[in-house]
Amino acid sequence: MIRSTQILAGAFILTAAFGAPAFSQGAPQTLSLMKVDPASLATGYRTSKVVGSTVLNEANEKVGTIDDLIVTPNDKVPFAVLSVGGFLGVGNKYVVVPFSALEVRDKKMVLPGATKESLKSLPEFSYVH
């Protein structure tokens, strides 16, 4: 009698576990993927190589250095934080420009039309920690 009760209880547990729908898993999720061409990515630049790069204007004058790249939650495009002015990190100012404003020419980062003075006149950016 005990043996048949154990078998009946085991069958009930298995039926409850496997026979009922799994409501605890939540609503099904979907993920939209897009195809990316690896060959086109190979022509790009890694952020680890971009950060720290000298930024020149079209006259080949140094106007700043890329301190960081930032992507905001709302804008899915990167912004470049430039360090301008100063000497050896003293007296420098951080400003932000859209990364799309920068051009890569002969493996150099160029910000057309920029001067140290024009960049210093931009609003100062400060990191929020």
N, C-alpha and C. Protein backbone atom coordinates (compact mmCIF):
# COMPACT_ATOMS: atom_id res chain seq x y z
N MET A 1 0.82 -1.19 0.00
CA MET A 1 0.00 0.00 0.00
C MET A 1 0.87 1.26 0.00
N ILE A 2 1.92 1.26 0.83
CA ILE A 2 2.81 2.42 0.90
C ILE A 2 3.52 2.59 -0.44
N ARG A 3 3.94 1.47 -1.03
CA ARG A 3 4.65 1.52 -2.30
C ARG A 3 3.75 2.10 -3.39
N SER A 4 2.51 1.70 -3.48
CA SER A 4 1.60 2.23 -4.50
C SER A 4 1.26 3.69 -4.24
N THR A 5 1.24 4.11 -2.99
CA THR A 5 1.01 5.52 -2.66
C THR A 5 2.20 6.36 -3.11
N GLN A 6 3.40 5.84 -2.92
CA GLN A 6 4.60 6.55 -3.36
C GLN A 6 4.63 6.67 -4.88
N ILE A 7 4.27 5.62 -5.58
CA ILE A 7 4.24 5.65 -7.04
C ILE A 7 3.18 6.62 -7.52
N LEU A 8 2.01 6.60 -6.89
CA LEU A 8 0.93 7.52 -7.26
C LEU A 8 1.33 8.97 -6.99
N ALA A 9 2.00 9.22 -5.86
CA ALA A 9 2.46 10.58 -5.53
C ALA A 9 3.52 11.03 -6.53
N GLY A 10 4.44 10.13 -6.88
CA GLY A 10 5.47 10.46 -7.87
C GLY A 10 4.88 10.77 -9.22
N ALA A 11 3.87 9.99 -9.64
CA ALA A 11 3.20 10.24 -10.91
C ALA A 11 2.48 11.57 -10.88
N PHE A 12 1.87 11.91 -9.76
CA PHE A 12 1.18 13.19 -9.64
C PHE A 12 2.17 14.36 -9.75
N ILE A 13 3.31 14.22 -9.10
CA ILE A 13 4.32 15.28 -9.13
C ILE A 13 4.87 15.45 -10.55
N LEU A 14 5.13 14.34 -11.22
CA LEU A 14 5.62 14.42 -12.59
C LEU A 14 4.58 15.03 -13.52
N THR A 15 3.32 14.67 -13.33
CA THR A 15 2.25 15.23 -14.15
C THR A 15 2.14 16.73 -13.91
N ALA A 16 2.23 17.15 -12.67
CA ALA A 16 2.12 18.57 -12.34
C ALA A 16 3.32 19.34 -12.90
N ALA A 17 4.49 18.73 -12.84
CA ALA A 17 5.70 19.42 -13.29
C ALA A 17 5.77 19.53 -14.79
N PHE A 18 5.43 18.48 -15.51
CA PHE A 18 5.60 18.47 -16.96
C PHE A 18 4.32 18.69 -17.74
N GLY A 19 3.19 18.50 -17.11
CA GLY A 19 1.93 18.59 -17.83
C GLY A 19 1.37 20.00 -17.88
N ALA A 20 1.71 20.83 -16.91
CA ALA A 20 1.15 22.18 -16.85
C ALA A 20 2.04 23.14 -17.63
N PRO A 21 1.44 24.19 -18.19
CA PRO A 21 2.26 25.18 -18.88
C PRO A 21 3.17 25.91 -17.89
N ALA A 22 4.29 26.37 -18.36
CA ALA A 22 5.27 27.06 -17.51
C ALA A 22 4.99 28.55 -17.53
N PHE A 23 4.12 28.99 -16.63
CA PHE A 23 3.75 30.41 -16.56
C PHE A 23 4.86 31.26 -15.95
N SER A 24 5.74 30.67 -15.19
CA SER A 24 6.76 31.44 -14.48
C SER A 24 7.85 31.97 -15.41
N GLN A 25 7.86 31.58 -16.66
CA GLN A 25 8.90 32.03 -17.57
C GLN A 25 8.59 33.39 -18.18
N GLY A 26 7.44 33.94 -17.96
CA GLY A 26 7.10 35.26 -18.48
C GLY A 26 6.71 35.22 -19.94
N ALA A 27 6.51 36.40 -20.48
CA ALA A 27 6.09 36.53 -21.88
C ALA A 27 7.26 36.22 -22.80
N PRO A 28 6.98 35.62 -23.93
CA PRO A 28 8.07 35.35 -24.88
C PRO A 28 8.72 36.65 -25.34
N GLN A 29 10.02 36.61 -25.49
CA GLN A 29 10.76 37.79 -25.92
C GLN A 29 11.24 37.60 -27.35
N THR A 30 11.30 38.71 -28.04
CA THR A 30 11.83 38.66 -29.40
C THR A 30 13.03 39.60 -29.47
N LEU A 31 13.94 39.26 -30.30
CA LEU A 31 15.13 40.07 -30.48
C LEU A 31 15.35 40.26 -31.97
N SER A 32 15.44 41.51 -32.36
CA SER A 32 15.65 41.81 -33.77
C SER A 32 17.14 41.96 -34.02
N LEU A 33 17.67 41.13 -34.86
CA LEU A 33 19.09 41.18 -35.18
C LEU A 33 19.27 41.76 -36.57
N MET A 34 20.38 42.42 -36.76
CA MET A 34 20.69 42.91 -38.09
C MET A 34 22.03 42.33 -38.52
N LYS A 35 22.15 42.12 -39.78
CA LYS A 35 23.39 41.57 -40.30
C LYS A 35 24.43 42.67 -40.40
N VAL A 36 25.63 42.36 -39.98
CA VAL A 36 26.75 43.30 -40.04
C VAL A 36 27.81 42.68 -40.93
N ASP A 37 28.33 43.49 -41.83
CA ASP A 37 29.37 43.02 -42.73
C ASP A 37 30.73 43.11 -42.03
N PRO A 38 31.32 41.98 -41.68
CA PRO A 38 32.62 42.01 -40.99
C PRO A 38 33.70 42.73 -41.79
N ALA A 39 33.63 42.69 -43.11
CA ALA A 39 34.65 43.37 -43.92
C ALA A 39 34.57 44.88 -43.72
N SER A 40 33.35 45.43 -43.58
CA SER A 40 33.23 46.87 -43.36
C SER A 40 33.71 47.25 -41.96
N LEU A 41 33.51 46.37 -40.98
CA LEU A 41 34.01 46.65 -39.63
C LEU A 41 35.53 46.65 -39.58
N ALA A 42 36.13 45.84 -40.42
CA ALA A 42 37.59 45.76 -40.44
C ALA A 42 38.24 47.08 -40.86
N THR A 43 37.48 47.94 -41.53
CA THR A 43 38.01 49.24 -41.95
C THR A 43 37.84 50.30 -40.87
N GLY A 44 37.17 49.96 -39.79
CA GLY A 44 36.91 50.91 -38.72
C GLY A 44 38.06 51.02 -37.73
N TYR A 45 37.85 51.80 -36.69
CA TYR A 45 38.86 52.03 -35.68
C TYR A 45 38.32 51.62 -34.32
N ARG A 46 39.11 50.88 -33.56
CA ARG A 46 38.72 50.49 -32.21
C ARG A 46 38.79 51.70 -31.30
N THR A 47 37.86 51.78 -30.35
CA THR A 47 37.86 52.92 -29.44
C THR A 47 39.16 53.01 -28.66
N SER A 48 39.76 51.87 -28.36
CA SER A 48 41.02 51.89 -27.62
C SER A 48 42.13 52.56 -28.41
N LYS A 49 41.99 52.60 -29.73
CA LYS A 49 42.98 53.27 -30.57
C LYS A 49 42.62 54.73 -30.81
N VAL A 50 41.32 55.05 -30.74
CA VAL A 50 40.86 56.42 -30.99
C VAL A 50 41.11 57.30 -29.77
N VAL A 51 40.78 56.77 -28.57
CA VAL A 51 40.98 57.54 -27.35
C VAL A 51 42.47 57.78 -27.16
N GLY A 52 42.81 59.03 -26.94
CA GLY A 52 44.21 59.42 -26.81
C GLY A 52 44.80 59.98 -28.09
N SER A 53 44.04 59.88 -29.18
CA SER A 53 44.52 60.40 -30.47
C SER A 53 44.58 61.92 -30.47
N THR A 54 45.56 62.44 -31.14
CA THR A 54 45.68 63.87 -31.36
C THR A 54 44.67 64.27 -32.41
N VAL A 55 44.01 65.42 -32.19
CA VAL A 55 43.05 65.96 -33.16
C VAL A 55 43.70 67.17 -33.82
N LEU A 56 43.71 67.14 -35.14
CA LEU A 56 44.32 68.21 -35.93
C LEU A 56 43.22 68.95 -36.70
N ASN A 57 43.54 70.16 -37.14
CA ASN A 57 42.65 70.83 -38.09
C ASN A 57 43.23 70.60 -39.48
N GLU A 58 42.56 71.16 -40.50
CA GLU A 58 43.02 70.90 -41.87
C GLU A 58 44.37 71.56 -42.17
N ALA A 59 44.82 72.48 -41.29
CA ALA A 59 46.15 73.08 -41.46
C ALA A 59 47.22 72.25 -40.74
N ASN A 60 46.83 71.04 -40.27
CA ASN A 60 47.73 70.13 -39.58
C ASN A 60 48.22 70.68 -38.24
N GLU A 61 47.41 71.56 -37.62
CA GLU A 61 47.72 72.11 -36.30
C GLU A 61 46.98 71.30 -35.24
N LYS A 62 47.66 71.00 -34.15
CA LYS A 62 47.02 70.27 -33.07
C LYS A 62 46.01 71.19 -32.37
N VAL A 63 44.76 70.71 -32.27
CA VAL A 63 43.72 71.50 -31.61
C VAL A 63 43.18 70.82 -30.36
N GLY A 64 43.57 69.58 -30.13
CA GLY A 64 43.11 68.86 -28.95
C GLY A 64 43.48 67.40 -29.00
N THR A 65 42.97 66.67 -28.01
CA THR A 65 43.20 65.24 -27.90
C THR A 65 41.87 64.58 -27.54
N ILE A 66 41.60 63.42 -28.11
CA ILE A 66 40.37 62.70 -27.76
C ILE A 66 40.57 62.05 -26.40
N ASP A 67 39.77 62.50 -25.43
CA ASP A 67 39.87 61.99 -24.08
C ASP A 67 38.96 60.78 -23.88
N ASP A 68 37.81 60.77 -24.56
CA ASP A 68 36.86 59.69 -24.36
C ASP A 68 35.83 59.70 -25.47
N LEU A 69 35.08 58.61 -25.59
CA LEU A 69 33.93 58.52 -26.48
C LEU A 69 32.74 58.17 -25.62
N ILE A 70 31.62 58.83 -25.87
CA ILE A 70 30.42 58.63 -25.06
C ILE A 70 29.24 58.35 -25.96
N VAL A 71 28.44 57.35 -25.59
CA VAL A 71 27.18 57.06 -26.26
C VAL A 71 26.09 57.27 -25.22
N THR A 72 25.12 58.11 -25.53
CA THR A 72 24.03 58.38 -24.58
C THR A 72 22.90 57.39 -24.80
N PRO A 73 22.03 57.21 -23.81
CA PRO A 73 20.92 56.27 -23.97
C PRO A 73 19.95 56.65 -25.09
N ASN A 74 19.78 57.94 -25.33
CA ASN A 74 18.82 58.38 -26.34
C ASN A 74 19.42 58.52 -27.72
N ASP A 75 20.65 59.00 -27.79
CA ASP A 75 21.33 59.16 -29.07
C ASP A 75 22.24 57.96 -29.26
N LYS A 76 22.02 57.23 -30.30
CA LYS A 76 22.81 56.01 -30.52
C LYS A 76 24.08 56.29 -31.31
N VAL A 77 24.49 57.54 -31.34
CA VAL A 77 25.73 57.91 -32.03
C VAL A 77 26.75 58.35 -30.98
N PRO A 78 28.01 58.12 -31.23
CA PRO A 78 29.01 58.51 -30.24
C PRO A 78 29.36 60.00 -30.31
N PHE A 79 29.76 60.51 -29.18
CA PHE A 79 30.27 61.87 -29.07
C PHE A 79 31.72 61.77 -28.60
N ALA A 80 32.56 62.65 -29.08
CA ALA A 80 33.96 62.66 -28.68
C ALA A 80 34.17 63.76 -27.65
N VAL A 81 34.78 63.39 -26.53
CA VAL A 81 35.17 64.36 -25.52
C VAL A 81 36.60 64.74 -25.83
N LEU A 82 36.81 66.02 -26.13
CA LEU A 82 38.14 66.50 -26.48
C LEU A 82 38.74 67.27 -25.31
N SER A 83 40.01 67.06 -25.10
CA SER A 83 40.77 67.84 -24.14
C SER A 83 41.48 68.92 -24.94
N VAL A 84 41.18 70.18 -24.61
CA VAL A 84 41.77 71.30 -25.35
C VAL A 84 42.50 72.22 -24.40
N GLY A 85 43.51 72.90 -24.92
CA GLY A 85 44.28 73.86 -24.13
C GLY A 85 45.14 73.14 -23.12
N GLY A 86 45.68 73.90 -22.22
CA GLY A 86 46.50 73.33 -21.16
C GLY A 86 47.84 72.80 -21.66
N PHE A 87 48.62 72.38 -20.69
CA PHE A 87 49.94 71.84 -20.99
C PHE A 87 50.18 70.70 -20.02
N LEU A 88 50.43 69.51 -20.55
CA LEU A 88 50.65 68.31 -19.74
C LEU A 88 49.50 68.06 -18.76
N GLY A 89 48.26 68.30 -19.23
CA GLY A 89 47.09 68.04 -18.41
C GLY A 89 46.72 69.14 -17.44
N VAL A 90 47.51 70.20 -17.37
CA VAL A 90 47.22 71.30 -16.46
C VAL A 90 46.56 72.42 -17.26
N GLY A 91 45.41 72.88 -16.80
CA GLY A 91 44.71 73.97 -17.46
C GLY A 91 43.91 73.54 -18.67
N ASN A 92 43.72 72.24 -18.83
CA ASN A 92 42.95 71.80 -20.00
C ASN A 92 41.45 71.91 -19.73
N LYS A 93 40.69 71.89 -20.79
CA LYS A 93 39.24 72.00 -20.73
C LYS A 93 38.67 70.87 -21.59
N TYR A 94 37.59 70.26 -21.11
CA TYR A 94 36.92 69.22 -21.88
C TYR A 94 35.73 69.81 -22.60
N VAL A 95 35.62 69.49 -23.88
CA VAL A 95 34.47 69.90 -24.69
C VAL A 95 34.00 68.67 -25.47
N VAL A 96 32.77 68.73 -25.96
CA VAL A 96 32.19 67.60 -26.66
C VAL A 96 31.83 67.99 -28.09
N VAL A 97 32.17 67.13 -29.02
CA VAL A 97 31.77 67.30 -30.43
C VAL A 97 31.20 65.97 -30.90
N PRO A 98 30.26 66.01 -31.84
CA PRO A 98 29.79 64.73 -32.39
C PRO A 98 30.95 64.02 -33.07
N PHE A 99 31.04 62.73 -32.85
CA PHE A 99 32.13 61.97 -33.46
C PHE A 99 32.08 62.08 -34.98
N SER A 100 30.87 62.25 -35.52
CA SER A 100 30.72 62.36 -36.98
C SER A 100 31.37 63.62 -37.54
N ALA A 101 31.67 64.61 -36.67
CA ALA A 101 32.35 65.83 -37.13
C ALA A 101 33.83 65.58 -37.40
N LEU A 102 34.36 64.51 -36.83
CA LEU A 102 35.76 64.17 -37.03
C LEU A 102 35.92 63.37 -38.33
N GLU A 103 37.02 63.61 -39.01
CA GLU A 103 37.34 62.87 -40.22
C GLU A 103 38.67 62.17 -40.03
N VAL A 104 38.80 61.00 -40.62
CA VAL A 104 40.07 60.29 -40.57
C VAL A 104 40.75 60.50 -41.91
N ARG A 105 41.89 61.16 -41.85
CA ARG A 105 42.69 61.42 -43.06
C ARG A 105 44.10 60.93 -42.82
N ASP A 106 44.55 60.04 -43.65
CA ASP A 106 45.90 59.49 -43.52
C ASP A 106 46.16 59.00 -42.09
N LYS A 107 45.19 58.29 -41.54
CA LYS A 107 45.27 57.73 -40.19
C LYS A 107 45.40 58.79 -39.11
N LYS A 108 44.95 60.01 -39.40
CA LYS A 108 44.96 61.11 -38.42
C LYS A 108 43.53 61.57 -38.21
N MET A 109 43.20 61.97 -36.98
CA MET A 109 41.88 62.50 -36.67
C MET A 109 41.88 64.00 -36.97
N VAL A 110 40.98 64.42 -37.84
CA VAL A 110 40.92 65.82 -38.27
C VAL A 110 39.54 66.38 -37.95
N LEU A 111 39.53 67.57 -37.36
CA LEU A 111 38.29 68.29 -37.09
C LEU A 111 38.32 69.54 -37.96
N PRO A 112 37.71 69.47 -39.14
CA PRO A 112 37.77 70.60 -40.08
C PRO A 112 37.20 71.88 -39.47
N GLY A 113 37.90 72.99 -39.71
CA GLY A 113 37.44 74.29 -39.26
C GLY A 113 37.73 74.59 -37.80
N ALA A 114 38.31 73.66 -37.09
CA ALA A 114 38.57 73.86 -35.66
C ALA A 114 39.86 74.61 -35.42
N THR A 115 39.82 75.43 -34.39
CA THR A 115 41.03 76.06 -33.86
C THR A 115 41.00 75.84 -32.35
N LYS A 116 42.13 76.03 -31.71
CA LYS A 116 42.15 75.91 -30.25
C LYS A 116 41.16 76.89 -29.63
N GLU A 117 41.12 78.10 -30.20
CA GLU A 117 40.25 79.13 -29.66
C GLU A 117 38.77 78.78 -29.84
N SER A 118 38.42 78.25 -31.03
CA SER A 118 37.01 77.90 -31.26
C SER A 118 36.57 76.76 -30.35
N LEU A 119 37.46 75.81 -30.09
CA LEU A 119 37.11 74.72 -29.19
C LEU A 119 37.03 75.19 -27.74
N LYS A 120 37.92 76.09 -27.34
CA LYS A 120 37.89 76.62 -25.97
C LYS A 120 36.61 77.43 -25.72
N SER A 121 36.02 77.95 -26.80
CA SER A 121 34.80 78.75 -26.63
C SER A 121 33.55 77.89 -26.46
N LEU A 122 33.66 76.58 -26.70
CA LEU A 122 32.52 75.68 -26.50
C LEU A 122 32.23 75.51 -25.01
N PRO A 123 31.00 75.14 -24.66
CA PRO A 123 30.70 74.89 -23.24
C PRO A 123 31.58 73.79 -22.68
N GLU A 124 31.98 73.96 -21.45
CA GLU A 124 32.85 72.97 -20.81
C GLU A 124 32.04 71.73 -20.43
N PHE A 125 32.63 70.57 -20.67
CA PHE A 125 32.02 69.30 -20.30
C PHE A 125 32.70 68.81 -19.03
N SER A 126 31.89 68.29 -18.12
CA SER A 126 32.49 67.71 -16.93
C SER A 126 31.87 66.33 -16.70
N TYR A 127 32.72 65.38 -16.38
CA TYR A 127 32.26 64.01 -16.15
C TYR A 127 31.45 63.95 -14.87
N VAL A 128 30.32 63.23 -14.92
CA VAL A 128 29.51 63.01 -13.73
C VAL A 128 29.85 61.63 -13.22
N HIS A 129 30.23 61.55 -11.99
CA HIS A 129 30.63 60.25 -11.43
C HIS A 129 29.53 59.67 -10.62
